[in-house]
Amino acid sequence: MFSVLSYGRLVARAVLGGLSQTDSRDYSLVTASCGFGKDFRKGILKKGMCYGDDACFVARHRSADVLGVADGVGGWRDYGVDPSQFSGTLMRTCERLVKEGRFVPSNPVGILTAGYCELLQNKVPLLGSSTACIVVLDRTSHRLHTANLGDSGFLVVRGGEVVHRSDEQQHYFNTPFQLSIAPPEAEGVVLSDSPEAADSTSFDVQLGDIILTATDGLFDNMPDYMILQELKKLKNSNYESIQQTARSIAEQAHELAYDPTYMSPFAQFACDNGLNVRGGKPDDITVLLSIVAEYTD
């Protein structure tokens, strides 16, 4: 199952691979999403843009397009807590803040901070943890501003090559940076990072650039070269092509996750840390695939 999210009249007049940005036109993103929850039937999209314990959003404001992904920490299930509640609420809150214009495009950390603070002040008890990645395209400046906390992340692809990407944040093997809300008796024990700890970047994009934003379920199972091979199938910037490619990437990652003989990026990382591991990593997978296009209101 996949869903397409597009806002306004988006026209991509550039050949994929990018053009010079010596123009005054506003840019926007044409985005499709696809994902799989590891504990659910293939392709089920839970209410609120959640694939399993993952969550995501795509929001439009007159000044920017904003994407977000979050990966709920599954360990909370052992304590009777649904991990998707935290990640889903965080993403829905960030989405609302964007739609209300309560953000600055050049400060995606501010979106994450404001969203997290609302969760902390929520009158309805909410427990859990998640990683988070926020990607903001400033329409006028043509700059991509990002904030990544943990091991979700993004790639910017131009001319078939990765030209910009997020850095993974891990405390130690398989323990990413994360936002958390713990019960009072567990505060100080549950791992919790500040939104300000997120890795922030800014990057000038061009028409036709491809932006792939995803949770670690993708990156733990597909190395860059496999992702780039799939992106080569993206021959134009119409919605259907983006849909098909997003679905193809998510489906391949899902299949590899359950291959016991495949040496996945996660297995390689485990071996580098002294563990004898082989195979894919079964996990929730969320993929947002975007193309930078010309925007006309």
Foldseek 3Di string as FASTA:
>chain_A
DKAWDDDADFFFPDFAQFDDPPDQFFKAKGKIKFWAFLVDPGTDQDPQQDHQLKHKDWADDPFKTKIKIKHWDPVCVVVVARRNVVNSQLRVQLRVCVHVVVDDLQCVLVSSQVSLVCQVVDPDDDWTKIWMKMWIQGGRQQKIKIWGFAAWWKFKDGPLDTPDIADHAAPDQPHTAIATDDPPVCPVPDHHDHSVVTDMDMDHDGANIKMKTKGVLLQQADPPVRLSVLCVQQRDADNVSNNVSNHVSNVVSQVQQAFQAAATNSNVVVVVVVDNGGGHHRRIIMIMMIGITGHDD
